[in-house]
Amino acid sequence: MDRIPPGRVLAYGDIAEMVGRGGPRQVGRVMSLFGGGVPWWRVIRADGRPPACNEVEAHEHYRAEGTPLRPDGRRVDMTRARWNGHS
């Protein structure tokens, strides 16, 4: 998660796929227990919604990093913001 560049995001399921085990819920659980030191706002739901418990703070980071948002301004534009894992 700390390798996801500013302005880019991954869904919980994307990370589970990269790791090769578990699923989105397991990634969320690990992040809730051990993710305080990483840019947690860059890991979101597949529909572009940030973590509900930290939505306001996540949006502050998105604005600061220039993360592409959908027209509603409430969700990240996954098509434009999803990180491919390489650049």
C-alpha atoms as a PDB file:
ATOM      1  CA  MET A   1       0.000   0.000   0.000  1.00  0.00           C
ATOM      2  CA  ASP A   2       2.846   2.367   0.652  1.00  0.00           C
ATOM      3  CA  ARG A   3       3.940   1.889  -2.993  1.00  0.00           C
ATOM      4  CA  ILE A   4       0.696   3.336  -4.396  1.00  0.00           C
ATOM      5  CA  PRO A   5       1.723   6.759  -5.739  1.00  0.00           C
ATOM      6  CA  PRO A   6      -0.025   9.997  -4.757  1.00  0.00           C
ATOM      7  CA  GLY A   7      -3.153  10.607  -6.833  1.00  0.00           C
ATOM      8  CA  ARG A   8      -3.641   6.879  -7.492  1.00  0.00           C
ATOM      9  CA  VAL A   9      -5.724   4.231  -5.735  1.00  0.00           C
ATOM     10  CA  LEU A  10      -6.363   0.510  -5.547  1.00  0.00           C
ATOM     11  CA  ALA A  11      -9.482  -1.315  -4.442  1.00  0.00           C
ATOM     12  CA  TYR A  12      -9.300  -3.759  -1.546  1.00  0.00           C
ATOM     13  CA  GLY A  13      -9.876  -6.570  -4.039  1.00  0.00           C
ATOM     14  CA  ASP A  14      -7.009  -5.347  -6.229  1.00  0.00           C
ATOM     15  CA  ILE A  15      -4.624  -5.775  -3.314  1.00  0.00           C
ATOM     16  CA  ALA A  16      -5.991  -9.233  -2.487  1.00  0.00           C
ATOM     17  CA  GLU A  17      -5.399 -10.216  -6.108  1.00  0.00           C
ATOM     18  CA  MET A  18      -1.833  -8.871  -6.040  1.00  0.00           C
ATOM     19  CA  VAL A  19      -1.079 -10.747  -2.819  1.00  0.00           C
ATOM     20  CA  GLY A  20      -2.652 -13.895  -4.201  1.00  0.00           C
ATOM     21  CA  ARG A  21      -4.732 -14.834  -1.194  1.00  0.00           C
ATOM     22  CA  GLY A  22      -7.722 -13.704   0.788  1.00  0.00           C
ATOM     23  CA  GLY A  23     -10.237 -11.216  -0.467  1.00  0.00           C
ATOM     24  CA  PRO A  24     -11.327  -7.605  -0.024  1.00  0.00           C
ATOM     25  CA  ARG A  25     -12.630  -8.149   3.504  1.00  0.00           C
ATOM     26  CA  GLN A  26      -9.367  -9.698   4.641  1.00  0.00           C
ATOM     27  CA  VAL A  27      -7.419  -6.754   3.205  1.00  0.00           C
ATOM     28  CA  GLY A  28      -9.740  -4.362   5.035  1.00  0.00           C
ATOM     29  CA  ARG A  29      -9.256  -6.260   8.270  1.00  0.00           C
ATOM     30  CA  VAL A  30      -5.468  -6.208   8.001  1.00  0.00           C
ATOM     31  CA  MET A  31      -5.551  -2.504   7.206  1.00  0.00           C
ATOM     32  CA  SER A  32      -7.800  -1.758  10.173  1.00  0.00           C
ATOM     33  CA  LEU A  33      -5.379  -3.532  12.503  1.00  0.00           C
ATOM     34  CA  PHE A  34      -2.012  -2.614  11.012  1.00  0.00           C
ATOM     35  CA  GLY A  35      -2.518   0.066   8.341  1.00  0.00           C
ATOM     36  CA  GLY A  36      -2.061   3.230  10.362  1.00  0.00           C
ATOM     37  CA  GLY A  37       1.422   3.926   9.013  1.00  0.00           C
ATOM     38  CA  VAL A  38       0.562   3.670   5.313  1.00  0.00           C
ATOM     39  CA  PRO A  39      -1.451   5.969   3.012  1.00  0.00           C
ATOM     40  CA  TRP A  40      -4.742   4.183   3.807  1.00  0.00           C
ATOM     41  CA  TRP A  41      -6.819   6.677   1.772  1.00  0.00           C
ATOM     42  CA  ARG A  42      -5.345   5.176  -1.400  1.00  0.00           C
ATOM     43  CA  VAL A  43      -7.117   1.859  -0.753  1.00  0.00           C
ATOM     44  CA  ILE A  44     -10.841   2.138  -1.370  1.00  0.00           C
ATOM     45  CA  ARG A  45     -13.969   0.242  -2.327  1.00  0.00           C
ATOM     46  CA  ALA A  46     -14.264  -0.942  -5.927  1.00  0.00           C
ATOM     47  CA  ASP A  47     -17.020   1.629  -6.579  1.00  0.00           C
ATOM     48  CA  GLY A  48     -14.674   4.495  -5.665  1.00  0.00           C
ATOM     49  CA  ARG A  49     -15.993   5.219  -2.194  1.00  0.00           C
ATOM     50  CA  PRO A  50     -13.395   5.883   0.508  1.00  0.00           C
ATOM     51  CA  PRO A  51     -13.524   4.219   3.929  1.00  0.00           C
ATOM     52  CA  ALA A  52     -16.755   5.430   5.553  1.00  0.00           C
ATOM     53  CA  CYS A  53     -15.178   6.048   8.947  1.00  0.00           C
ATOM     54  CA  ASN A  54     -12.580   8.434   7.475  1.00  0.00           C
ATOM     55  CA  GLU A  55     -14.358   9.852   4.437  1.00  0.00           C
ATOM     56  CA  VAL A  56     -13.753  13.535   5.216  1.00  0.00           C
ATOM     57  CA  GLU A  57     -10.038  13.036   5.860  1.00  0.00           C
ATOM     58  CA  ALA A  58      -9.700  10.843   2.753  1.00  0.00           C
ATOM     59  CA  HIS A  59     -11.216  13.589   0.587  1.00  0.00           C
ATOM     60  CA  GLU A  60      -8.719  16.086   1.995  1.00  0.00           C
ATOM     61  CA  HIS A  61      -5.916  13.781   0.819  1.00  0.00           C
ATOM     62  CA  TYR A  62      -7.561  13.283  -2.602  1.00  0.00           C
ATOM     63  CA  ARG A  63      -7.764  17.023  -3.170  1.00  0.00           C
ATOM     64  CA  ALA A  64      -4.174  17.567  -1.997  1.00  0.00           C
ATOM     65  CA  GLU A  65      -2.856  14.756  -4.236  1.00  0.00           C
ATOM     66  CA  GLY A  66      -5.002  15.575  -7.276  1.00  0.00           C
ATOM     67  CA  THR A  67      -6.762  12.206  -7.252  1.00  0.00           C
ATOM     68  CA  PRO A  68      -9.368  12.147 -10.052  1.00  0.00           C
ATOM     69  CA  LEU A  69     -12.912  12.223  -8.678  1.00  0.00           C
ATOM     70  CA  ARG A  70     -16.194  11.385 -10.346  1.00  0.00           C
ATOM     71  CA  PRO A  71     -18.520  14.288 -11.229  1.00  0.00           C
ATOM     72  CA  ASP A  72     -20.465  13.759  -7.997  1.00  0.00           C
ATOM     73  CA  GLY A  73     -17.268  14.651  -6.089  1.00  0.00           C
ATOM     74  CA  ARG A  74     -17.965  11.914  -3.553  1.00  0.00           C
ATOM     75  CA  ARG A  75     -16.209   9.009  -5.231  1.00  0.00           C
ATOM     76  CA  VAL A  76     -12.852   8.459  -6.869  1.00  0.00           C
ATOM     77  CA  ASP A  77     -12.930   7.933 -10.627  1.00  0.00           C
ATOM     78  CA  MET A  78     -11.581   4.373 -10.661  1.00  0.00           C
ATOM     79  CA  THR A  79     -11.046   4.379 -14.429  1.00  0.00           C
ATOM     80  CA  ARG A  80      -8.606   7.264 -14.218  1.00  0.00           C
ATOM     81  CA  ALA A  81      -7.177   6.797 -10.709  1.00  0.00           C
ATOM     82  CA  ARG A  82      -6.624   3.015 -10.479  1.00  0.00           C
ATOM     83  CA  TRP A  83      -2.913   2.268 -10.227  1.00  0.00           C
ATOM     84  CA  ASN A  84      -1.548  -0.405 -12.556  1.00  0.00           C
ATOM     85  CA  GLY A  85       1.166  -1.464 -10.123  1.00  0.00           C
ATOM     86  CA  HIS A  86       4.037  -0.290 -12.289  1.00  0.00           C
ATOM     87  CA  SER A  87       4.264   3.452 -12.708  1.00  0.00           C
END
